[in-house]
C-alpha atoms as a PDB file:
ATOM      1  CA  MET A   1       0.000   0.000   0.000  1.00  0.00           C
ATOM      2  CA  ARG A   2       2.846   2.395   0.813  1.00  0.00           C
ATOM      3  CA  ALA A   3       4.364   1.722  -2.604  1.00  0.00           C
ATOM      4  CA  LEU A   4       1.031   2.528  -4.268  1.00  0.00           C
ATOM      5  CA  ILE A   5       0.720   5.799  -2.349  1.00  0.00           C
ATOM      6  CA  ALA A   6       4.308   6.730  -3.219  1.00  0.00           C
ATOM      7  CA  ALA A   7       3.680   5.915  -6.877  1.00  0.00           C
ATOM      8  CA  LEU A   8       0.514   8.022  -6.901  1.00  0.00           C
ATOM      9  CA  ALA A   9       2.536  10.966  -5.629  1.00  0.00           C
ATOM     10  CA  LEU A  10       4.658  10.704  -8.770  1.00  0.00           C
ATOM     11  CA  VAL A  11       1.654  10.808 -11.122  1.00  0.00           C
ATOM     12  CA  PRO A  12       1.487  14.231 -12.756  1.00  0.00           C
ATOM     13  CA  SER A  13      -1.381  16.371 -11.516  1.00  0.00           C
ATOM     14  CA  LEU A  14      -2.397  19.106 -13.876  1.00  0.00           C
ATOM     15  CA  ALA A  15      -5.956  19.025 -12.510  1.00  0.00           C
ATOM     16  CA  LEU A  16      -5.440  22.228 -10.574  1.00  0.00           C
ATOM     17  CA  ALA A  17      -4.582  24.055 -13.790  1.00  0.00           C
ATOM     18  CA  GLN A  18      -7.553  22.700 -15.749  1.00  0.00           C
ATOM     19  CA  ASP A  19     -11.286  23.032 -15.309  1.00  0.00           C
ATOM     20  CA  PHE A  20     -13.269  19.912 -16.178  1.00  0.00           C
ATOM     21  CA  SER A  21     -16.646  21.234 -15.023  1.00  0.00           C
ATOM     22  CA  GLU A  22     -17.894  22.312 -18.466  1.00  0.00           C
ATOM     23  CA  GLY A  23     -20.908  20.243 -19.493  1.00  0.00           C
ATOM     24  CA  SER A  24     -21.029  18.355 -16.214  1.00  0.00           C
ATOM     25  CA  GLU A  25     -24.458  17.440 -14.873  1.00  0.00           C
ATOM     26  CA  ALA A  26     -23.076  15.941 -11.665  1.00  0.00           C
ATOM     27  CA  LYS A  27     -25.236  16.280  -8.590  1.00  0.00           C
ATOM     28  CA  THR A  28     -23.507  17.775  -5.586  1.00  0.00           C
ATOM     29  CA  TRP A  29     -22.831  15.781  -2.414  1.00  0.00           C
ATOM     30  CA  ASN A  30     -21.831  18.958  -0.575  1.00  0.00           C
ATOM     31  CA  LEU A  31     -18.439  17.483   0.193  1.00  0.00           C
ATOM     32  CA  TYR A  32     -15.484  19.684   1.005  1.00  0.00           C
ATOM     33  CA  ALA A  33     -13.364  20.439  -2.089  1.00  0.00           C
ATOM     34  CA  GLU A  34     -15.800  18.795  -4.538  1.00  0.00           C
ATOM     35  CA  GLN A  35     -16.010  20.119  -8.094  1.00  0.00           C
ATOM     36  CA  PRO A  36     -18.128  18.831 -10.991  1.00  0.00           C
ATOM     37  CA  ALA A  37     -15.908  17.094 -13.522  1.00  0.00           C
ATOM     38  CA  ARG A  38     -16.695  15.572 -16.900  1.00  0.00           C
ATOM     39  CA  PHE A  39     -13.868  14.138 -18.956  1.00  0.00           C
ATOM     40  CA  GLU A  40     -12.706  11.347 -21.252  1.00  0.00           C
ATOM     41  CA  ALA A  41     -10.507   8.626 -19.774  1.00  0.00           C
ATOM     42  CA  THR A  42      -9.302   5.084 -20.274  1.00  0.00           C
ATOM     43  CA  VAL A  43     -10.369   2.569 -17.625  1.00  0.00           C
ATOM     44  CA  VAL A  44      -7.215   0.953 -16.242  1.00  0.00           C
ATOM     45  CA  ASP A  45      -6.418  -1.765 -13.730  1.00  0.00           C
ATOM     46  CA  LEU A  46      -4.365   0.040 -11.050  1.00  0.00           C
ATOM     47  CA  LEU A  47      -2.340  -3.033 -10.086  1.00  0.00           C
ATOM     48  CA  CYS A  48      -1.479  -3.515 -13.753  1.00  0.00           C
ATOM     49  CA  THR A  49      -0.525   0.153 -14.105  1.00  0.00           C
ATOM     50  CA  PHE A  50       1.907   0.020 -11.183  1.00  0.00           C
ATOM     51  CA  THR A  51       3.289  -3.539 -11.332  1.00  0.00           C
ATOM     52  CA  GLY A  52       2.819  -4.844 -14.855  1.00  0.00           C
ATOM     53  CA  ASP A  53       0.595  -7.717 -13.605  1.00  0.00           C
ATOM     54  CA  CYS A  54      -2.098  -7.301 -16.257  1.00  0.00           C
ATOM     55  CA  PRO A  55      -4.885  -9.876 -16.714  1.00  0.00           C
ATOM     56  CA  GLU A  56      -6.871  -8.982 -19.821  1.00  0.00           C
ATOM     57  CA  ASP A  57     -10.127  -8.632 -17.857  1.00  0.00           C
ATOM     58  CA  CYS A  58      -8.769  -6.080 -15.333  1.00  0.00           C
ATOM     59  CA  GLY A  59      -8.860  -8.703 -12.587  1.00  0.00           C
ATOM     60  CA  ALA A  60     -12.495  -9.755 -13.134  1.00  0.00           C
ATOM     61  CA  GLY A  61     -13.791  -7.418 -10.437  1.00  0.00           C
ATOM     62  CA  ARG A  62     -11.200  -8.275  -7.784  1.00  0.00           C
ATOM     63  CA  ARG A  63      -9.051  -5.175  -8.371  1.00  0.00           C
ATOM     64  CA  GLN A  64      -9.422  -1.442  -7.964  1.00  0.00           C
ATOM     65  CA  LEU A  65      -9.783   0.401 -11.267  1.00  0.00           C
ATOM     66  CA  GLY A  66      -8.573   3.836 -12.257  1.00  0.00           C
ATOM     67  CA  LEU A  67      -9.250   6.438 -14.942  1.00  0.00           C
ATOM     68  CA  LEU A  68      -6.326   7.630 -17.046  1.00  0.00           C
ATOM     69  CA  ARG A  69      -7.612  11.033 -18.145  1.00  0.00           C
ATOM     70  CA  SER A  70      -7.087  11.678 -21.862  1.00  0.00           C
ATOM     71  CA  ALA A  71      -6.622  15.452 -21.580  1.00  0.00           C
ATOM     72  CA  ASP A  72      -3.496  15.317 -19.413  1.00  0.00           C
ATOM     73  CA  ASP A  73      -2.570  11.652 -18.701  1.00  0.00           C
ATOM     74  CA  THR A  74      -3.457  12.135 -15.029  1.00  0.00           C
ATOM     75  CA  LEU A  75      -4.469   9.031 -13.113  1.00  0.00           C
ATOM     76  CA  VAL A  76      -7.814   9.679 -11.417  1.00  0.00           C
ATOM     77  CA  LEU A  77      -9.028   7.397  -8.624  1.00  0.00           C
ATOM     78  CA  PRO A  78     -12.770   6.614  -8.892  1.00  0.00           C
ATOM     79  CA  MET A  79     -13.452   5.775  -5.252  1.00  0.00           C
ATOM     80  CA  LYS A  80     -17.252   5.986  -5.295  1.00  0.00           C
ATOM     81  CA  ASN A  81     -20.148   5.464  -7.651  1.00  0.00           C
ATOM     82  CA  GLY A  82     -23.392   7.468  -7.846  1.00  0.00           C
ATOM     83  CA  GLN A  83     -25.285   5.575  -5.137  1.00  0.00           C
ATOM     84  CA  PRO A  84     -26.038   7.037  -1.700  1.00  0.00           C
ATOM     85  CA  ALA A  85     -23.996   4.247  -0.075  1.00  0.00           C
ATOM     86  CA  PHE A  86     -20.252   4.779  -0.205  1.00  0.00           C
ATOM     87  CA  SER A  87     -19.684   1.837  -2.502  1.00  0.00           C
ATOM     88  CA  GLY A  88     -16.870   1.699  -4.987  1.00  0.00           C
ATOM     89  CA  ALA A  89     -17.069   2.371  -8.706  1.00  0.00           C
ATOM     90  CA  ALA A  90     -15.159  -0.727  -9.884  1.00  0.00           C
ATOM     91  CA  VAL A  91     -18.381  -2.681 -10.577  1.00  0.00           C
ATOM     92  CA  ASP A  92     -19.644   0.124 -12.820  1.00  0.00           C
ATOM     93  CA  LEU A  93     -16.320   0.582 -14.620  1.00  0.00           C
ATOM     94  CA  LEU A  94     -15.368  -3.094 -15.108  1.00  0.00           C
ATOM     95  CA  PRO A  95     -17.401  -3.564 -18.337  1.00  0.00           C
ATOM     96  CA  TYR A  96     -15.219  -0.803 -19.851  1.00  0.00           C
ATOM     97  CA  CYS A  97     -11.862  -2.395 -18.934  1.00  0.00           C
ATOM     98  CA  ASN A  98      -9.109  -0.889 -21.133  1.00  0.00           C
ATOM     99  CA  GLN A  99     -11.647   1.213 -23.068  1.00  0.00           C
ATOM    100  CA  THR A 100     -11.820   4.971 -23.435  1.00  0.00           C
ATOM    101  CA  ILE A 101     -15.077   6.342 -22.028  1.00  0.00           C
ATOM    102  CA  GLU A 102     -16.524   9.647 -20.883  1.00  0.00           C
ATOM    103  CA  VAL A 103     -17.395  10.071 -17.208  1.00  0.00           C
ATOM    104  CA  ASP A 104     -19.310  12.695 -15.278  1.00  0.00           C
ATOM    105  CA  GLY A 105     -19.146  13.111 -11.525  1.00  0.00           C
ATOM    106  CA  LEU A 106     -17.440  14.964  -8.704  1.00  0.00           C
ATOM    107  CA  MET A 107     -13.695  15.505  -8.292  1.00  0.00           C
ATOM    108  CA  ILE A 108     -12.215  15.947  -4.831  1.00  0.00           C
ATOM    109  CA  ASP A 109      -8.972  17.882  -4.969  1.00  0.00           C
ATOM    110  CA  ASP A 110      -7.306  19.401  -1.915  1.00  0.00           C
ATOM    111  CA  PRO A 111      -3.526  18.938  -1.718  1.00  0.00           C
ATOM    112  CA  ASP A 112      -3.498  20.333   1.839  1.00  0.00           C
ATOM    113  CA  LEU A 113      -5.628  17.371   2.929  1.00  0.00           C
ATOM    114  CA  GLY A 114      -3.671  14.937   0.773  1.00  0.00           C
ATOM    115  CA  ALA A 115      -6.723  14.336  -1.417  1.00  0.00           C
ATOM    116  CA  GLN A 116      -5.914  14.643  -5.105  1.00  0.00           C
ATOM    117  CA  ASN A 117      -7.745  13.253  -8.094  1.00  0.00           C
ATOM    118  CA  ILE A 118     -10.339  11.418  -5.995  1.00  0.00           C
ATOM    119  CA  TYR A 119     -13.420  10.923  -8.141  1.00  0.00           C
ATOM    120  CA  LEU A 120     -17.061  10.091  -7.477  1.00  0.00           C
ATOM    121  CA  VAL A 121     -18.344   8.787 -10.814  1.00  0.00           C
ATOM    122  CA  GLN A 122     -22.065   9.328 -11.391  1.00  0.00           C
ATOM    123  CA  ARG A 123     -22.462   8.642 -15.131  1.00  0.00           C
ATOM    124  CA  ILE A 124     -20.552   6.695 -17.783  1.00  0.00           C
ATOM    125  CA  LYS A 125     -20.762   7.008 -21.537  1.00  0.00           C
ATOM    126  CA  ALA A 126     -19.093   4.625 -23.964  1.00  0.00           C
ATOM    127  CA  ASP A 127     -18.340   5.783 -27.494  1.00  0.00           C
ATOM    128  CA  GLY A 128     -21.599   6.167 -29.420  1.00  0.00           C
ATOM    129  CA  ALA A 129     -23.779   5.042 -26.500  1.00  0.00           C
ATOM    130  CA  ASP A 130     -26.111   6.838 -24.125  1.00  0.00           C
ATOM    131  CA  TRP A 131     -25.140   7.826 -20.596  1.00  0.00           C
ATOM    132  CA  VAL A 132     -25.436   5.028 -18.034  1.00  0.00           C
ATOM    133  CA  ALA A 133     -25.908   5.729 -14.325  1.00  0.00           C
ATOM    134  CA  ALA A 134     -23.075   4.440 -12.141  1.00  0.00           C
ATOM    135  CA  ASN A 135     -25.323   2.677  -9.642  1.00  0.00           C
ATOM    136  CA  GLN A 136     -24.758  -1.046 -10.078  1.00  0.00           C
ATOM    137  CA  TRP A 137     -22.935  -1.974  -6.879  1.00  0.00           C
ATOM    138  CA  THR A 138     -25.896  -2.936  -4.681  1.00  0.00           C
ATOM    139  CA  LYS A 139     -27.611  -4.732  -7.587  1.00  0.00           C
ATOM    140  CA  GLU A 140     -24.490  -6.825  -8.193  1.00  0.00           C
ATOM    141  CA  TRP A 141     -24.134  -7.443  -4.449  1.00  0.00           C
ATOM    142  CA  ALA A 142     -27.745  -8.698  -4.291  1.00  0.00           C
ATOM    143  CA  LYS A 143     -27.108 -11.091  -7.205  1.00  0.00           C
ATOM    144  CA  ALA A 144     -23.988 -12.434  -5.484  1.00  0.00           C
ATOM    145  CA  ASN A 145     -25.800 -12.799  -2.117  1.00  0.00           C
ATOM    146  CA  PRO A 146     -29.290 -14.179  -2.875  1.00  0.00           C
ATOM    147  CA  ASP A 147     -29.600 -15.664   0.625  1.00  0.00           C
ATOM    148  CA  ALA A 148     -29.250 -12.176   2.140  1.00  0.00           C
ATOM    149  CA  ALA A 149     -32.445 -10.811   0.608  1.00  0.00           C
ATOM    150  CA  GLY A 150     -34.687  -8.680   2.760  1.00  0.00           C
ATOM    151  CA  LYS A 151     -35.335  -5.172   3.952  1.00  0.00           C
ATOM    152  CA  GLY A 152     -32.794  -2.734   5.247  1.00  0.00           C
ATOM    153  CA  PRO A 153     -29.307  -1.770   4.119  1.00  0.00           C
ATOM    154  CA  TRP A 154     -27.190  -4.453   2.465  1.00  0.00           C
ATOM    155  CA  PHE A 155     -24.488  -4.307   5.151  1.00  0.00           C
ATOM    156  CA  ARG A 156     -26.980  -5.324   7.866  1.00  0.00           C
ATOM    157  CA  ARG A 157     -27.726  -8.487   5.850  1.00  0.00           C
ATOM    158  CA  SER A 158     -24.239  -9.311   4.559  1.00  0.00           C
ATOM    159  CA  PRO A 159     -23.097 -12.811   5.564  1.00  0.00           C
ATOM    160  CA  ARG A 160     -19.481 -11.648   5.439  1.00  0.00           C
ATOM    161  CA  ILE A 161     -20.097  -8.679   7.752  1.00  0.00           C
ATOM    162  CA  LYS A 162     -22.248 -10.751  10.132  1.00  0.00           C
ATOM    163  CA  ALA A 163     -19.473 -13.362  10.407  1.00  0.00           C
ATOM    164  CA  GLU A 164     -16.897 -10.650  11.073  1.00  0.00           C
ATOM    165  CA  ILE A 165     -19.043  -9.119  13.827  1.00  0.00           C
ATOM    166  CA  GLU A 166     -19.675 -12.522  15.376  1.00  0.00           C
ATOM    167  CA  GLU A 167     -15.946 -13.242  15.493  1.00  0.00           C
ATOM    168  CA  ASN A 168     -14.581  -9.791  16.370  1.00  0.00           C
ATOM    169  CA  GLY A 169     -17.530  -7.850  17.766  1.00  0.00           C
ATOM    170  CA  TYR A 170     -18.927  -4.523  16.563  1.00  0.00           C
ATOM    171  CA  LEU A 171     -15.870  -2.615  17.758  1.00  0.00           C
ATOM    172  CA  GLY A 172     -13.399  -5.101  16.263  1.00  0.00           C
ATOM    173  CA  LEU A 173     -12.010  -5.797  19.743  1.00  0.00           C
ATOM    174  CA  GLY A 174     -13.938  -8.993  20.465  1.00  0.00           C
ATOM    175  CA  PRO A 175     -17.369  -9.772  21.914  1.00  0.00           C
ATOM    176  CA  GLU A 176     -16.121  -9.212  25.472  1.00  0.00           C
ATOM    177  CA  ALA A 177     -15.072  -5.643  24.686  1.00  0.00           C
ATOM    178  CA  ASP A 178     -18.470  -5.047  23.058  1.00  0.00           C
ATOM    179  CA  ALA A 179     -20.269  -6.315  26.170  1.00  0.00           C
ATOM    180  CA  ALA A 180     -18.189  -4.068  28.441  1.00  0.00           C
ATOM    181  CA  PHE A 181     -18.749  -1.057  26.171  1.00  0.00           C
ATOM    182  CA  ILE A 182     -22.505  -1.625  25.995  1.00  0.00           C
ATOM    183  CA  ALA A 183     -22.741  -2.079  29.771  1.00  0.00           C
ATOM    184  CA  ASP A 184     -20.724   1.081  30.377  1.00  0.00           C
ATOM    185  CA  TRP A 185     -22.401   3.324  27.795  1.00  0.00           C
ATOM    186  CA  PHE A 186     -25.946   2.046  27.597  1.00  0.00           C
END
């Protein structure tokens, strides 16, 4: 992880000198340092970009994806899709592996906070196609977890999260620490 962060620091960042808001229809999240941003980029497998380990399918959904912006060859990190949940954008971008697309969303750029080229993708447009909403994560999760159907947020029903809580407690310190916390605070 440290190597990835160090490598990202070396990626050129001309974003501060350019305005990508023209034509953007991104909806605000009222996040600090957010700016609407619409641009063309190639969907890349980040592990491939940094190590040369490059499966042709961008890791089949098991890797984080990036956007190599066409205008300035800046690597943009799409950390969120257009859903209210803070779910990643890899599910939405995977069908466009190694393709050049147009994206519309929100860019977070604040070098003082160490946040540069962080992107919240809301819409995707392949060449000659219509815009597609970047909102597939929970639908794909539901398909992969049919036994977790029901009401309420996905994370309350997730077998993986339930198993983690059972083993390590809600605080991650073990069930005994949870019991002591609950007794002390509630």
